[in-house]
Amino acid sequence: MRSYRSTRHAQPLLVRRLPALVETVALASWFGALVGFVAFTPQAIRLIPIGAFAAFIGADLRFLTVLGTICGGIALICAIVGTRDADDRRNDLLRMLFIALAIALGFWGSSIVAHMEALAAGQTIASLPKTAPERMAYGALHTTSTRVYGASLLFVLVALVTLTLRERPES
């Protein structure tokens, strides 16, 4: 009976590296979407009326959470499949941890955004006095959501970097 290690070298190189390729595309797409949001948001506030801005950003963040869940799920599946070919699985496990944390942070961020939308329901937060409890609560939630989504972006970047450091199967 042949061992798995001897049969995997009989597979074409593309088949052996396909999980890492798909994982790279999934993580890069997720990272690019997060960076695009960070880059576009300051411009959007100048282009979109203030009343519609919060709804627009909330919708974008919900989309990013769905995209992150899909891309992160694909990346996790590929990482699990690719782990069986790796000689050093510590890097793969660390990468899977960062992907899972980034997905979890996306869900947490979505719950924060939902609280922000509830606070802003029917009113423009910017029109409230700076000492209004709703505006202060909204500002605190905004600060937290910024940190949560920033950490998610950082974890996706770390996952991408650890993927590049992964041991590759022999040609």
C-alpha atoms as a PDB file:
ATOM      1  CA  MET A   1       0.000   0.000   0.000  1.00  0.00           C
ATOM      2  CA  ARG A   2       1.384   3.388  -0.999  1.00  0.00           C
ATOM      3  CA  SER A   3       1.573   6.175   1.536  1.00  0.00           C
ATOM      4  CA  TYR A   4      -0.115   9.519   1.001  1.00  0.00           C
ATOM      5  CA  ARG A   5       3.259  11.283   0.788  1.00  0.00           C
ATOM      6  CA  SER A   6       4.354   9.136  -2.156  1.00  0.00           C
ATOM      7  CA  THR A   7       1.047   9.608  -4.027  1.00  0.00           C
ATOM      8  CA  ARG A   8       0.916  13.381  -3.578  1.00  0.00           C
ATOM      9  CA  HIS A   9       4.145  13.798  -5.560  1.00  0.00           C
ATOM     10  CA  ALA A  10       2.491  11.933  -8.425  1.00  0.00           C
ATOM     11  CA  GLN A  11      -0.131  14.703  -8.655  1.00  0.00           C
ATOM     12  CA  PRO A  12       0.488  17.547 -11.094  1.00  0.00           C
ATOM     13  CA  LEU A  13       2.041  20.631  -9.562  1.00  0.00           C
ATOM     14  CA  LEU A  14      -1.046  22.773 -10.227  1.00  0.00           C
ATOM     15  CA  VAL A  15      -3.289  20.340  -8.351  1.00  0.00           C
ATOM     16  CA  ARG A  16      -0.957  20.402  -5.341  1.00  0.00           C
ATOM     17  CA  ARG A  17      -0.751  24.204  -5.324  1.00  0.00           C
ATOM     18  CA  LEU A  18      -4.360  24.961  -6.235  1.00  0.00           C
ATOM     19  CA  PRO A  19      -5.593  25.321  -2.613  1.00  0.00           C
ATOM     20  CA  ALA A  20      -2.890  27.908  -1.873  1.00  0.00           C
ATOM     21  CA  LEU A  21      -3.737  29.778  -5.089  1.00  0.00           C
ATOM     22  CA  VAL A  22      -7.466  29.905  -4.296  1.00  0.00           C
ATOM     23  CA  GLU A  23      -6.710  30.893  -0.697  1.00  0.00           C
ATOM     24  CA  THR A  24      -4.468  33.713  -1.894  1.00  0.00           C
ATOM     25  CA  VAL A  25      -7.151  35.049  -4.236  1.00  0.00           C
ATOM     26  CA  ALA A  26      -9.813  34.861  -1.487  1.00  0.00           C
ATOM     27  CA  LEU A  27      -7.651  36.643   1.087  1.00  0.00           C
ATOM     28  CA  ALA A  28      -6.418  39.244  -1.414  1.00  0.00           C
ATOM     29  CA  SER A  29     -10.007  39.987  -2.509  1.00  0.00           C
ATOM     30  CA  TRP A  30     -11.113  40.421   1.099  1.00  0.00           C
ATOM     31  CA  PHE A  31      -8.110  42.581   1.946  1.00  0.00           C
ATOM     32  CA  GLY A  32      -8.593  44.691  -1.182  1.00  0.00           C
ATOM     33  CA  ALA A  33     -12.255  45.297  -0.346  1.00  0.00           C
ATOM     34  CA  LEU A  34     -11.354  46.403   3.192  1.00  0.00           C
ATOM     35  CA  VAL A  35      -8.605  48.716   1.941  1.00  0.00           C
ATOM     36  CA  GLY A  36     -10.951  50.075  -0.724  1.00  0.00           C
ATOM     37  CA  PHE A  37     -13.504  50.900   1.974  1.00  0.00           C
ATOM     38  CA  VAL A  38     -10.863  52.706   4.039  1.00  0.00           C
ATOM     39  CA  ALA A  39      -9.665  54.656   0.996  1.00  0.00           C
ATOM     40  CA  PHE A  40     -13.121  55.522  -0.350  1.00  0.00           C
ATOM     41  CA  THR A  41     -14.918  56.514   2.860  1.00  0.00           C
ATOM     42  CA  PRO A  42     -13.228  59.929   3.304  1.00  0.00           C
ATOM     43  CA  GLN A  43     -14.166  60.802  -0.285  1.00  0.00           C
ATOM     44  CA  ALA A  44     -17.722  59.492   0.100  1.00  0.00           C
ATOM     45  CA  ILE A  45     -18.487  61.887   2.936  1.00  0.00           C
ATOM     46  CA  ARG A  46     -17.871  64.744   0.499  1.00  0.00           C
ATOM     47  CA  LEU A  47     -20.057  63.241  -2.228  1.00  0.00           C
ATOM     48  CA  ILE A  48     -23.010  61.780  -0.344  1.00  0.00           C
ATOM     49  CA  PRO A  49     -25.507  63.921   1.583  1.00  0.00           C
ATOM     50  CA  ILE A  50     -24.921  63.579   5.326  1.00  0.00           C
ATOM     51  CA  GLY A  51     -28.394  62.126   5.897  1.00  0.00           C
ATOM     52  CA  ALA A  52     -27.707  59.239   3.496  1.00  0.00           C
ATOM     53  CA  PHE A  53     -24.057  58.773   4.447  1.00  0.00           C
ATOM     54  CA  ALA A  54     -24.658  56.658   7.566  1.00  0.00           C
ATOM     55  CA  ALA A  55     -27.027  54.338   5.671  1.00  0.00           C
ATOM     56  CA  PHE A  56     -24.516  54.039   2.821  1.00  0.00           C
ATOM     57  CA  ILE A  57     -21.648  53.189   5.176  1.00  0.00           C
ATOM     58  CA  GLY A  58     -23.818  50.747   7.131  1.00  0.00           C
ATOM     59  CA  ALA A  59     -24.749  48.943   3.905  1.00  0.00           C
ATOM     60  CA  ASP A  60     -21.089  48.861   2.843  1.00  0.00           C
ATOM     61  CA  LEU A  61     -20.015  47.386   6.169  1.00  0.00           C
ATOM     62  CA  ARG A  62     -22.739  44.725   5.998  1.00  0.00           C
ATOM     63  CA  PHE A  63     -21.536  43.847   2.495  1.00  0.00           C
ATOM     64  CA  LEU A  64     -17.926  43.676   3.728  1.00  0.00           C
ATOM     65  CA  THR A  65     -19.013  41.306   6.503  1.00  0.00           C
ATOM     66  CA  VAL A  66     -20.734  39.001   4.009  1.00  0.00           C
ATOM     67  CA  LEU A  67     -17.776  39.205   1.621  1.00  0.00           C
ATOM     68  CA  GLY A  68     -15.364  38.545   4.479  1.00  0.00           C
ATOM     69  CA  THR A  69     -17.374  35.550   5.629  1.00  0.00           C
ATOM     70  CA  ILE A  70     -17.411  34.079   2.125  1.00  0.00           C
ATOM     71  CA  CYS A  71     -13.752  34.835   1.345  1.00  0.00           C
ATOM     72  CA  GLY A  72     -12.666  33.820   4.838  1.00  0.00           C
ATOM     73  CA  GLY A  73     -14.639  30.577   4.623  1.00  0.00           C
ATOM     74  CA  ILE A  74     -13.072  29.748   1.259  1.00  0.00           C
ATOM     75  CA  ALA A  75      -9.626  30.589   2.644  1.00  0.00           C
ATOM     76  CA  LEU A  76     -10.206  28.391   5.712  1.00  0.00           C
ATOM     77  CA  ILE A  77     -11.316  25.435   3.573  1.00  0.00           C
ATOM     78  CA  CYS A  78      -8.284  25.872   1.304  1.00  0.00           C
ATOM     79  CA  ALA A  79      -5.994  26.179   4.318  1.00  0.00           C
ATOM     80  CA  ILE A  80      -7.375  22.948   5.769  1.00  0.00           C
ATOM     81  CA  VAL A  81      -6.980  21.131   2.440  1.00  0.00           C
ATOM     82  CA  GLY A  82      -3.481  22.587   1.971  1.00  0.00           C
ATOM     83  CA  THR A  83      -2.412  21.691   5.502  1.00  0.00           C
ATOM     84  CA  ARG A  84      -2.221  18.015   4.659  1.00  0.00           C
ATOM     85  CA  ASP A  85       0.581  18.802   2.178  1.00  0.00           C
ATOM     86  CA  ALA A  86       2.582  21.027   4.511  1.00  0.00           C
ATOM     87  CA  ASP A  87       5.638  19.835   6.337  1.00  0.00           C
ATOM     88  CA  ASP A  88       5.263  22.569   8.959  1.00  0.00           C
ATOM     89  CA  ARG A  89       1.642  22.926  10.019  1.00  0.00           C
ATOM     90  CA  ARG A  90       2.231  25.597  12.683  1.00  0.00           C
ATOM     91  CA  ASN A  91       2.171  28.345  10.063  1.00  0.00           C
ATOM     92  CA  ASP A  92      -1.072  26.967   8.608  1.00  0.00           C
ATOM     93  CA  LEU A  93      -2.740  26.779  12.021  1.00  0.00           C
ATOM     94  CA  LEU A  94      -1.652  30.323  12.832  1.00  0.00           C
ATOM     95  CA  ARG A  95      -3.039  31.563   9.508  1.00  0.00           C
ATOM     96  CA  MET A  96      -6.345  29.764  10.131  1.00  0.00           C
ATOM     97  CA  LEU A  97      -6.534  31.421  13.549  1.00  0.00           C
ATOM     98  CA  PHE A  98      -6.061  34.889  12.028  1.00  0.00           C
ATOM     99  CA  ILE A  99      -8.695  34.185   9.358  1.00  0.00           C
ATOM    100  CA  ALA A 100     -11.180  32.983  11.982  1.00  0.00           C
ATOM    101  CA  LEU A 101     -10.478  36.032  14.154  1.00  0.00           C
ATOM    102  CA  ALA A 102     -10.996  38.379  11.184  1.00  0.00           C
ATOM    103  CA  ILE A 103     -14.350  36.718  10.424  1.00  0.00           C
ATOM    104  CA  ALA A 104     -15.403  36.981  14.076  1.00  0.00           C
ATOM    105  CA  LEU A 105     -14.403  40.653  14.174  1.00  0.00           C
ATOM    106  CA  GLY A 106     -16.523  41.274  11.081  1.00  0.00           C
ATOM    107  CA  PHE A 107     -19.583  39.894  12.869  1.00  0.00           C
ATOM    108  CA  TRP A 108     -18.805  41.939  15.968  1.00  0.00           C
ATOM    109  CA  GLY A 109     -18.393  45.025  13.792  1.00  0.00           C
ATOM    110  CA  SER A 110     -21.774  44.353  12.184  1.00  0.00           C
ATOM    111  CA  SER A 111     -23.451  44.234  15.573  1.00  0.00           C
ATOM    112  CA  ILE A 112     -21.820  47.559  16.475  1.00  0.00           C
ATOM    113  CA  VAL A 113     -23.044  49.097  13.214  1.00  0.00           C
ATOM    114  CA  ALA A 114     -26.570  47.844  13.966  1.00  0.00           C
ATOM    115  CA  HIS A 115     -26.432  49.644  17.337  1.00  0.00           C
ATOM    116  CA  MET A 116     -25.190  52.792  15.601  1.00  0.00           C
ATOM    117  CA  GLU A 117     -28.043  52.630  13.099  1.00  0.00           C
ATOM    118  CA  ALA A 118     -30.560  52.187  15.943  1.00  0.00           C
ATOM    119  CA  LEU A 119     -29.164  55.278  17.679  1.00  0.00           C
ATOM    120  CA  ALA A 120     -29.360  57.306  14.474  1.00  0.00           C
ATOM    121  CA  ALA A 121     -32.852  56.123  13.510  1.00  0.00           C
ATOM    122  CA  GLY A 122     -34.890  59.108  12.377  1.00  0.00           C
ATOM    123  CA  GLN A 123     -32.254  61.708  13.178  1.00  0.00           C
ATOM    124  CA  THR A 124     -28.950  63.046  11.925  1.00  0.00           C
ATOM    125  CA  ILE A 125     -26.366  62.491  14.651  1.00  0.00           C
ATOM    126  CA  ALA A 126     -24.260  65.426  13.423  1.00  0.00           C
ATOM    127  CA  SER A 127     -27.159  67.820  14.074  1.00  0.00           C
ATOM    128  CA  LEU A 128     -27.357  66.876  17.769  1.00  0.00           C
ATOM    129  CA  PRO A 129     -25.456  68.897  20.389  1.00  0.00           C
ATOM    130  CA  LYS A 130     -22.019  67.432  21.119  1.00  0.00           C
ATOM    131  CA  THR A 131     -23.086  66.695  24.707  1.00  0.00           C
ATOM    132  CA  ALA A 132     -26.270  64.826  23.698  1.00  0.00           C
ATOM    133  CA  PRO A 133     -26.166  61.260  25.083  1.00  0.00           C
ATOM    134  CA  GLU A 134     -27.095  59.788  21.673  1.00  0.00           C
ATOM    135  CA  ARG A 135     -24.247  61.618  19.941  1.00  0.00           C
ATOM    136  CA  MET A 136     -21.729  60.640  22.618  1.00  0.00           C
ATOM    137  CA  ALA A 137     -22.862  56.982  22.486  1.00  0.00           C
ATOM    138  CA  TYR A 138     -22.704  57.061  18.682  1.00  0.00           C
ATOM    139  CA  GLY A 139     -19.170  58.486  18.818  1.00  0.00           C
ATOM    140  CA  ALA A 140     -18.051  55.771  21.237  1.00  0.00           C
ATOM    141  CA  LEU A 141     -19.560  53.066  19.020  1.00  0.00           C
ATOM    142  CA  HIS A 142     -17.906  54.626  15.960  1.00  0.00           C
ATOM    143  CA  THR A 143     -14.521  54.544  17.680  1.00  0.00           C
ATOM    144  CA  THR A 144     -15.030  50.899  18.640  1.00  0.00           C
ATOM    145  CA  SER A 145     -16.190  49.899  15.152  1.00  0.00           C
ATOM    146  CA  THR A 146     -13.189  51.635  13.594  1.00  0.00           C
ATOM    147  CA  ARG A 147     -10.857  49.655  15.840  1.00  0.00           C
ATOM    148  CA  VAL A 148     -12.705  46.386  15.229  1.00  0.00           C
ATOM    149  CA  TYR A 149     -12.664  46.721  11.446  1.00  0.00           C
ATOM    150  CA  GLY A 150      -9.055  47.941  11.576  1.00  0.00           C
ATOM    151  CA  ALA A 151      -8.064  44.834  13.541  1.00  0.00           C
ATOM    152  CA  SER A 152      -9.950  42.678  11.033  1.00  0.00           C
ATOM    153  CA  LEU A 153      -8.022  44.295   8.169  1.00  0.00           C
ATOM    154  CA  LEU A 154      -4.764  43.705  10.048  1.00  0.00           C
ATOM    155  CA  PHE A 155      -5.614  40.028  10.670  1.00  0.00           C
ATOM    156  CA  VAL A 156      -6.401  39.491   6.977  1.00  0.00           C
ATOM    157  CA  LEU A 157      -3.059  41.090   6.083  1.00  0.00           C
ATOM    158  CA  VAL A 158      -1.232  38.855   8.575  1.00  0.00           C
ATOM    159  CA  ALA A 159      -3.008  35.815   7.091  1.00  0.00           C
ATOM    160  CA  LEU A 160      -1.817  36.850   3.622  1.00  0.00           C
ATOM    161  CA  VAL A 161       1.742  37.306   4.861  1.00  0.00           C
ATOM    162  CA  THR A 162       1.768  33.943   6.649  1.00  0.00           C
ATOM    163  CA  LEU A 163       0.476  32.335   3.447  1.00  0.00           C
ATOM    164  CA  THR A 164       3.529  33.638   1.593  1.00  0.00           C
ATOM    165  CA  LEU A 165       5.748  32.125   4.282  1.00  0.00           C
ATOM    166  CA  ARG A 166       4.119  28.715   3.931  1.00  0.00           C
ATOM    167  CA  GLU A 167       6.250  25.721   3.071  1.00  0.00           C
ATOM    168  CA  ARG A 168       5.559  24.793  -0.528  1.00  0.00           C
ATOM    169  CA  PRO A 169       5.257  21.220  -1.721  1.00  0.00           C
ATOM    170  CA  GLU A 170       8.184  20.056  -3.760  1.00  0.00           C
ATOM    171  CA  SER A 171       7.878  20.373  -7.536  1.00  0.00           C
END
